[in-house]
C-alpha atoms as a PDB file:
ATOM      1  CA  MET A   1      79.337  21.305  56.947  1.00  0.00           C
ATOM      2  CA  ARG A   2      76.930  23.896  58.384  1.00  0.00           C
ATOM      3  CA  MET A   3      77.539  26.225  55.437  1.00  0.00           C
ATOM      4  CA  THR A   4      76.916  23.344  53.022  1.00  0.00           C
ATOM      5  CA  ARG A   5      73.539  22.592  54.625  1.00  0.00           C
ATOM      6  CA  LEU A   6      72.540  26.270  54.500  1.00  0.00           C
ATOM      7  CA  PHE A   7      73.546  26.558  50.849  1.00  0.00           C
ATOM      8  CA  LEU A   8      71.630  23.382  49.910  1.00  0.00           C
ATOM      9  CA  LEU A   9      68.549  24.663  51.753  1.00  0.00           C
ATOM     10  CA  GLY A  10      68.772  27.962  49.895  1.00  0.00           C
ATOM     11  CA  ALA A  11      69.168  26.162  46.575  1.00  0.00           C
ATOM     12  CA  ALA A  12      66.096  24.037  47.320  1.00  0.00           C
ATOM     13  CA  LEU A  13      64.045  27.139  48.102  1.00  0.00           C
ATOM     14  CA  LEU A  14      65.162  28.780  44.881  1.00  0.00           C
ATOM     15  CA  ALA A  15      64.224  25.666  42.934  1.00  0.00           C
ATOM     16  CA  LEU A  16      60.708  25.637  44.410  1.00  0.00           C
ATOM     17  CA  THR A  17      59.866  29.322  44.252  1.00  0.00           C
ATOM     18  CA  PRO A  18      59.271  29.855  40.486  1.00  0.00           C
ATOM     19  CA  GLY A  19      56.020  27.902  40.697  1.00  0.00           C
ATOM     20  CA  LEU A  20      54.987  29.719  43.866  1.00  0.00           C
ATOM     21  CA  ALA A  21      55.754  33.078  42.315  1.00  0.00           C
ATOM     22  CA  GLY A  22      53.478  32.435  39.376  1.00  0.00           C
ATOM     23  CA  ALA A  23      50.689  31.127  41.604  1.00  0.00           C
ATOM     24  CA  GLN A  24      50.811  34.236  43.829  1.00  0.00           C
ATOM     25  CA  ASP A  25      51.107  36.882  41.080  1.00  0.00           C
ATOM     26  CA  LYS A  26      54.834  37.492  41.639  1.00  0.00           C
ATOM     27  CA  ARG A  27      54.687  37.677  45.414  1.00  0.00           C
ATOM     28  CA  ILE A  28      58.093  35.997  45.362  1.00  0.00           C
ATOM     29  CA  ARG A  29      61.030  37.136  43.218  1.00  0.00           C
ATOM     30  CA  LEU A  30      64.504  35.761  42.604  1.00  0.00           C
ATOM     31  CA  ASN A  31      67.799  37.440  41.808  1.00  0.00           C
ATOM     32  CA  VAL A  32      71.087  36.042  40.504  1.00  0.00           C
ATOM     33  CA  GLY A  33      74.192  38.106  39.851  1.00  0.00           C
ATOM     34  CA  GLY A  34      77.876  38.632  40.431  1.00  0.00           C
ATOM     35  CA  GLY A  35      80.830  40.869  39.747  1.00  0.00           C
ATOM     36  CA  PRO A  36      83.945  42.500  41.198  1.00  0.00           C
ATOM     37  CA  THR A  37      84.311  43.394  44.876  1.00  0.00           C
ATOM     38  CA  PHE A  38      86.513  46.242  46.094  1.00  0.00           C
ATOM     39  CA  ASN A  39      88.147  46.132  49.517  1.00  0.00           C
ATOM     40  CA  THR A  40      88.425  49.307  51.567  1.00  0.00           C
ATOM     41  CA  GLY A  41      90.421  50.338  54.621  1.00  0.00           C
ATOM     42  CA  GLN A  42      93.023  48.064  56.166  1.00  0.00           C
ATOM     43  CA  LEU A  43      91.567  44.975  54.491  1.00  0.00           C
ATOM     44  CA  ASN A  44      92.613  46.508  51.174  1.00  0.00           C
ATOM     45  CA  GLU A  45      96.206  46.791  52.426  1.00  0.00           C
ATOM     46  CA  ARG A  46      96.442  43.022  52.906  1.00  0.00           C
ATOM     47  CA  PHE A  47      94.339  41.523  50.116  1.00  0.00           C
ATOM     48  CA  GLY A  48      93.617  42.387  46.515  1.00  0.00           C
ATOM     49  CA  HIS A  49      90.203  43.205  45.116  1.00  0.00           C
ATOM     50  CA  GLY A  50      87.980  40.188  44.631  1.00  0.00           C
ATOM     51  CA  TRP A  51      84.919  38.812  42.937  1.00  0.00           C
ATOM     52  CA  GLY A  52      81.968  36.556  43.625  1.00  0.00           C
ATOM     53  CA  PRO A  53      78.374  35.531  42.868  1.00  0.00           C
ATOM     54  CA  ALA A  54      75.175  36.407  44.722  1.00  0.00           C
ATOM     55  CA  VAL A  55      71.766  34.740  44.778  1.00  0.00           C
ATOM     56  CA  GLY A  56      68.635  35.856  46.604  1.00  0.00           C
ATOM     57  CA  ILE A  57      64.924  35.502  47.160  1.00  0.00           C
ATOM     58  CA  SER A  58      62.560  38.428  47.820  1.00  0.00           C
ATOM     59  CA  PHE A  59      59.075  38.524  49.305  1.00  0.00           C
ATOM     60  CA  VAL A  60      56.986  41.329  47.780  1.00  0.00           C
ATOM     61  CA  THR A  61      55.082  43.255  50.467  1.00  0.00           C
ATOM     62  CA  THR A  62      53.867  46.240  48.399  1.00  0.00           C
ATOM     63  CA  LYS A  63      54.324  47.451  44.838  1.00  0.00           C
ATOM     64  CA  ARG A  64      57.562  49.165  45.837  1.00  0.00           C
ATOM     65  CA  VAL A  65      58.877  47.238  48.863  1.00  0.00           C
ATOM     66  CA  GLU A  66      60.416  43.774  49.113  1.00  0.00           C
ATOM     67  CA  ILE A  67      62.032  41.808  51.945  1.00  0.00           C
ATOM     68  CA  GLN A  68      65.102  40.002  50.632  1.00  0.00           C
ATOM     69  CA  PHE A  69      67.239  37.113  51.834  1.00  0.00           C
ATOM     70  CA  GLU A  70      70.541  36.879  49.993  1.00  0.00           C
ATOM     71  CA  TYR A  71      73.606  34.648  49.972  1.00  0.00           C
ATOM     72  CA  ALA A  72      76.868  35.877  48.422  1.00  0.00           C
ATOM     73  CA  TYR A  73      80.395  34.519  48.180  1.00  0.00           C
ATOM     74  CA  ARG A  74      83.482  36.745  47.873  1.00  0.00           C
ATOM     75  CA  TYR A  75      87.088  35.740  47.222  1.00  0.00           C
ATOM     76  CA  PHE A  76      90.118  38.000  47.740  1.00  0.00           C
ATOM     77  CA  GLY A  77      93.655  36.888  46.981  1.00  0.00           C
ATOM     78  CA  SER A  78      97.017  38.053  48.346  1.00  0.00           C
ATOM     79  CA  ASP A  79     100.207  37.076  46.527  1.00  0.00           C
ATOM     80  CA  THR A  80     102.600  38.590  49.088  1.00  0.00           C
ATOM     81  CA  TYR A  81     101.981  40.768  52.118  1.00  0.00           C
ATOM     82  CA  THR A  82     104.935  41.968  54.188  1.00  0.00           C
ATOM     83  CA  SER A  83     104.962  43.918  57.471  1.00  0.00           C
ATOM     84  CA  THR A  84     106.574  43.979  60.893  1.00  0.00           C
ATOM     85  CA  ARG A  85     103.407  42.398  62.286  1.00  0.00           C
ATOM     86  CA  VAL A  86     103.665  39.187  60.312  1.00  0.00           C
ATOM     87  CA  GLY A  87     106.857  38.932  58.314  1.00  0.00           C
ATOM     88  CA  GLN A  88     105.765  37.765  54.864  1.00  0.00           C
ATOM     89  CA  LEU A  89     102.480  35.986  54.145  1.00  0.00           C
ATOM     90  CA  SER A  90     100.606  34.791  51.085  1.00  0.00           C
ATOM     91  CA  GLY A  91      97.061  33.492  51.052  1.00  0.00           C
ATOM     92  CA  ASN A  92      93.438  34.462  50.485  1.00  0.00           C
ATOM     93  CA  HIS A  93      90.398  35.838  52.274  1.00  0.00           C
ATOM     94  CA  GLN A  94      86.920  34.384  51.634  1.00  0.00           C
ATOM     95  CA  THR A  95      83.514  35.599  52.771  1.00  0.00           C
ATOM     96  CA  HIS A  96      80.170  33.789  52.917  1.00  0.00           C
ATOM     97  CA  GLN A  97      77.433  36.380  53.349  1.00  0.00           C
ATOM     98  CA  LEU A  98      73.915  35.735  54.713  1.00  0.00           C
ATOM     99  CA  ASP A  99      71.827  38.938  54.757  1.00  0.00           C
ATOM    100  CA  PHE A 100      68.231  39.984  55.371  1.00  0.00           C
ATOM    101  CA  ASN A 101      67.485  43.248  53.563  1.00  0.00           C
ATOM    102  CA  LEU A 102      64.755  45.758  52.853  1.00  0.00           C
ATOM    103  CA  LEU A 103      64.597  46.704  49.153  1.00  0.00           C
ATOM    104  CA  ALA A 104      62.548  49.793  48.231  1.00  0.00           C
ATOM    105  CA  TYR A 105      61.905  51.073  44.698  1.00  0.00           C
ATOM    106  CA  LEU A 106      61.980  54.866  44.296  1.00  0.00           C
ATOM    107  CA  THR A 107      60.305  54.707  40.884  1.00  0.00           C
ATOM    108  CA  ARG A 108      57.137  53.013  39.735  1.00  0.00           C
ATOM    109  CA  LYS A 109      57.397  49.468  38.399  1.00  0.00           C
ATOM    110  CA  GLU A 110      55.919  50.755  35.122  1.00  0.00           C
ATOM    111  CA  SER A 111      58.866  53.149  34.626  1.00  0.00           C
ATOM    112  CA  SER A 112      61.426  52.570  31.877  1.00  0.00           C
ATOM    113  CA  LEU A 113      64.186  52.627  34.512  1.00  0.00           C
ATOM    114  CA  HIS A 114      63.856  51.242  38.016  1.00  0.00           C
ATOM    115  CA  VAL A 115      65.785  52.977  40.805  1.00  0.00           C
ATOM    116  CA  TYR A 116      65.949  51.368  44.238  1.00  0.00           C
ATOM    117  CA  VAL A 117      67.737  51.432  47.588  1.00  0.00           C
ATOM    118  CA  VAL A 118      68.585  48.432  49.731  1.00  0.00           C
ATOM    119  CA  ALA A 119      69.804  48.038  53.322  1.00  0.00           C
ATOM    120  CA  GLY A 120      69.950  45.358  55.966  1.00  0.00           C
ATOM    121  CA  GLY A 121      72.087  43.203  58.216  1.00  0.00           C
ATOM    122  CA  GLY A 122      73.233  39.658  58.651  1.00  0.00           C
ATOM    123  CA  PHE A 123      76.157  37.406  59.357  1.00  0.00           C
ATOM    124  CA  TYR A 124      79.405  36.902  57.475  1.00  0.00           C
ATOM    125  CA  TYR A 125      81.618  33.832  57.683  1.00  0.00           C
ATOM    126  CA  ARG A 126      85.118  35.105  56.959  1.00  0.00           C
ATOM    127  CA  LYS A 127      87.922  32.600  56.374  1.00  0.00           C
ATOM    128  CA  VAL A 128      91.624  33.182  55.754  1.00  0.00           C
ATOM    129  CA  ASP A 129      93.812  30.555  54.080  1.00  0.00           C
ATOM    130  CA  ILE A 130      97.543  31.077  54.656  1.00  0.00           C
ATOM    131  CA  THR A 131      99.506  29.348  51.905  1.00  0.00           C
ATOM    132  CA  LYS A 132     103.027  30.701  52.464  1.00  0.00           C
ATOM    133  CA  TYR A 133     104.898  32.182  55.428  1.00  0.00           C
ATOM    134  CA  LEU A 134     108.380  33.628  55.933  1.00  0.00           C
ATOM    135  CA  GLY A 135     109.267  35.203  59.280  1.00  0.00           C
ATOM    136  CA  THR A 136     110.285  34.771  62.910  1.00  0.00           C
ATOM    137  CA  GLY A 137     107.146  32.933  64.019  1.00  0.00           C
ATOM    138  CA  TYR A 138     105.831  35.918  66.006  1.00  0.00           C
ATOM    139  CA  ILE A 139     102.707  37.137  64.223  1.00  0.00           C
ATOM    140  CA  CYS A 140      99.914  39.498  65.291  1.00  0.00           C
ATOM    141  CA  ASP A 141      97.526  40.723  62.633  1.00  0.00           C
ATOM    142  CA  PRO A 142      93.739  40.416  63.129  1.00  0.00           C
ATOM    143  CA  TYR A 143      93.077  40.534  59.388  1.00  0.00           C
ATOM    144  CA  TRP A 144      95.003  37.272  59.025  1.00  0.00           C
ATOM    145  CA  TYR A 145      93.292  35.853  62.150  1.00  0.00           C
ATOM    146  CA  VAL A 146      96.635  35.147  63.847  1.00  0.00           C
ATOM    147  CA  CYS A 147      98.239  36.605  66.986  1.00  0.00           C
ATOM    148  CA  GLY A 148     100.919  34.663  68.839  1.00  0.00           C
ATOM    149  CA  TYR A 149     103.968  32.543  68.239  1.00  0.00           C
ATOM    150  CA  TYR A 150     103.447  30.002  65.469  1.00  0.00           C
ATOM    151  CA  PRO A 151     106.022  27.644  63.999  1.00  0.00           C
ATOM    152  CA  VAL A 152     106.162  27.964  60.239  1.00  0.00           C
ATOM    153  CA  GLU A 153     104.303  24.678  59.754  1.00  0.00           C
ATOM    154  CA  GLY A 154     101.636  25.820  62.264  1.00  0.00           C
ATOM    155  CA  VAL A 155     100.734  29.023  60.415  1.00  0.00           C
ATOM    156  CA  ILE A 156      99.899  27.497  57.060  1.00  0.00           C
ATOM    157  CA  ALA A 157      96.260  26.695  57.771  1.00  0.00           C
ATOM    158  CA  SER A 158      92.690  28.003  57.566  1.00  0.00           C
ATOM    159  CA  ARG A 159      91.226  30.305  60.216  1.00  0.00           C
ATOM    160  CA  GLY A 160      87.946  32.179  60.462  1.00  0.00           C
ATOM    161  CA  GLY A 161      84.548  32.577  62.075  1.00  0.00           C
ATOM    162  CA  TRP A 162      81.107  34.184  61.969  1.00  0.00           C
ATOM    163  CA  ASP A 163      80.839  37.965  62.403  1.00  0.00           C
ATOM    164  CA  PRO A 164      77.831  40.358  62.323  1.00  0.00           C
ATOM    165  CA  GLY A 165      77.599  43.029  59.665  1.00  0.00           C
ATOM    166  CA  ILE A 166      75.434  45.560  57.877  1.00  0.00           C
ATOM    167  CA  ASN A 167      75.061  46.729  54.292  1.00  0.00           C
ATOM    168  CA  VAL A 168      73.516  49.724  52.521  1.00  0.00           C
ATOM    169  CA  GLY A 169      73.389  50.724  48.872  1.00  0.00           C
ATOM    170  CA  GLY A 170      71.263  50.966  45.797  1.00  0.00           C
ATOM    171  CA  GLY A 171      70.911  50.141  42.160  1.00  0.00           C
ATOM    172  CA  ILE A 172      69.101  50.569  38.894  1.00  0.00           C
ATOM    173  CA  GLY A 173      67.057  48.028  36.969  1.00  0.00           C
ATOM    174  CA  ILE A 174      66.267  47.875  33.261  1.00  0.00           C
ATOM    175  CA  PRO A 175      62.920  46.127  32.673  1.00  0.00           C
ATOM    176  CA  ILE A 176      62.899  42.987  30.527  1.00  0.00           C
ATOM    177  CA  GLY A 177      59.399  41.897  29.680  1.00  0.00           C
ATOM    178  CA  GLU A 178      56.572  42.164  32.199  1.00  0.00           C
ATOM    179  CA  HIS A 179      58.278  41.033  35.409  1.00  0.00           C
ATOM    180  CA  ALA A 180      62.050  40.629  34.881  1.00  0.00           C
ATOM    181  CA  GLU A 181      64.828  43.214  34.979  1.00  0.00           C
ATOM    182  CA  PHE A 182      68.563  43.463  34.448  1.00  0.00           C
ATOM    183  CA  TYR A 183      70.088  45.254  37.420  1.00  0.00           C
ATOM    184  CA  ILE A 184      73.345  46.983  38.356  1.00  0.00           C
ATOM    185  CA  GLU A 185      73.844  47.362  42.082  1.00  0.00           C
ATOM    186  CA  SER A 186      76.474  48.480  44.572  1.00  0.00           C
ATOM    187  CA  ARG A 187      76.468  48.275  48.379  1.00  0.00           C
ATOM    188  CA  PHE A 188      78.783  49.172  51.216  1.00  0.00           C
ATOM    189  CA  HIS A 189      79.295  46.241  53.624  1.00  0.00           C
ATOM    190  CA  TYR A 190      80.768  46.662  57.108  1.00  0.00           C
ATOM    191  CA  VAL A 191      81.638  43.634  59.259  1.00  0.00           C
ATOM    192  CA  TRP A 192      82.636  43.623  62.928  1.00  0.00           C
ATOM    193  CA  GLY A 193      85.426  41.159  63.686  1.00  0.00           C
ATOM    194  CA  PRO A 194      87.310  39.750  66.688  1.00  0.00           C
ATOM    195  CA  THR A 195      89.811  41.774  68.689  1.00  0.00           C
ATOM    196  CA  PHE A 196      93.413  40.689  69.310  1.00  0.00           C
ATOM    197  CA  GLY A 197      95.579  42.156  72.079  1.00  0.00           C
ATOM    198  CA  ALA A 198      99.195  43.207  71.619  1.00  0.00           C
ATOM    199  CA  LEU A 199     101.827  40.475  71.440  1.00  0.00           C
ATOM    200  CA  ASP A 200     105.038  40.833  73.488  1.00  0.00           C
ATOM    201  CA  THR A 201     108.017  39.074  71.916  1.00  0.00           C
ATOM    202  CA  PRO A 202     111.780  38.987  72.532  1.00  0.00           C
ATOM    203  CA  LEU A 203     112.036  41.232  69.483  1.00  0.00           C
ATOM    204  CA  GLY A 204     109.623  43.824  70.884  1.00  0.00           C
ATOM    205  CA  SER A 205     105.879  44.364  71.152  1.00  0.00           C
ATOM    206  CA  ILE A 206     103.632  43.811  68.140  1.00  0.00           C
ATOM    207  CA  PRO A 207     100.377  45.823  68.331  1.00  0.00           C
ATOM    208  CA  GLY A 208      97.075  43.969  68.079  1.00  0.00           C
ATOM    209  CA  GLY A 209      93.845  45.309  66.681  1.00  0.00           C
ATOM    210  CA  THR A 210      90.304  44.550  65.605  1.00  0.00           C
ATOM    211  CA  ALA A 211      89.430  42.645  62.443  1.00  0.00           C
ATOM    212  CA  ASN A 212      86.637  45.004  61.369  1.00  0.00           C
ATOM    213  CA  GLY A 213      86.403  44.994  57.593  1.00  0.00           C
ATOM    214  CA  SER A 214      84.529  46.699  54.787  1.00  0.00           C
ATOM    215  CA  TYR A 215      84.097  46.126  51.069  1.00  0.00           C
ATOM    216  CA  VAL A 216      81.993  47.331  48.149  1.00  0.00           C
ATOM    217  CA  PRO A 217      80.765  44.803  45.574  1.00  0.00           C
ATOM    218  CA  LEU A 218      79.537  45.899  42.145  1.00  0.00           C
ATOM    219  CA  THR A 219      76.904  43.394  41.058  1.00  0.00           C
ATOM    220  CA  PHE A 220      75.426  42.764  37.618  1.00  0.00           C
ATOM    221  CA  GLY A 221      72.488  40.409  37.531  1.00  0.00           C
ATOM    222  CA  PHE A 222      68.898  39.525  36.714  1.00  0.00           C
ATOM    223  CA  ARG A 223      65.792  39.734  38.901  1.00  0.00           C
ATOM    224  CA  TRP A 224      62.478  38.142  37.991  1.00  0.00           C
END
């Protein structure tokens, strides 16, 4: 419910800002995009590469610097993941991203190609849906948000929470008209997650770990 209210508030702001942008000589800009997202590290071992949209609003402070608020959604699927930690699981990993970023253009706005860098931090709501489970019931894997003994019917559920994170990257923009541009952008996102201790079972000890994750989206979109 909280995420729904935040998304509706963001949508309302985006609906109101075109008029404000024109009245203030493009002091406010919007961006809409999407594309594939590539997992890295241990997250990539458990889930496939994903995809998702992104939408943002930027406040222009100088000719080359903007302060951006952005929301993005990422979805990663997993048909079958098998290990001694969990047995066999199927499910998906979803991320709702709320970031505040600094966007700086390295080239002049009058250039035929815009080059920029972007970096910032925010909060990520990461949720795991477990749709299928085969195993002993003893599971400990922070990337699936489970560590303990779970009956089969108790594992098939949704788990998740808010985690802090940072992002850094850059992109290029191709001008369209006086104010708009088509952009291609990539960033590295790193999210700090909860820590799970080791789980002792009659079958032996299962190591715990920390659910830190990273991913790299490749975004194609429009900014105006």
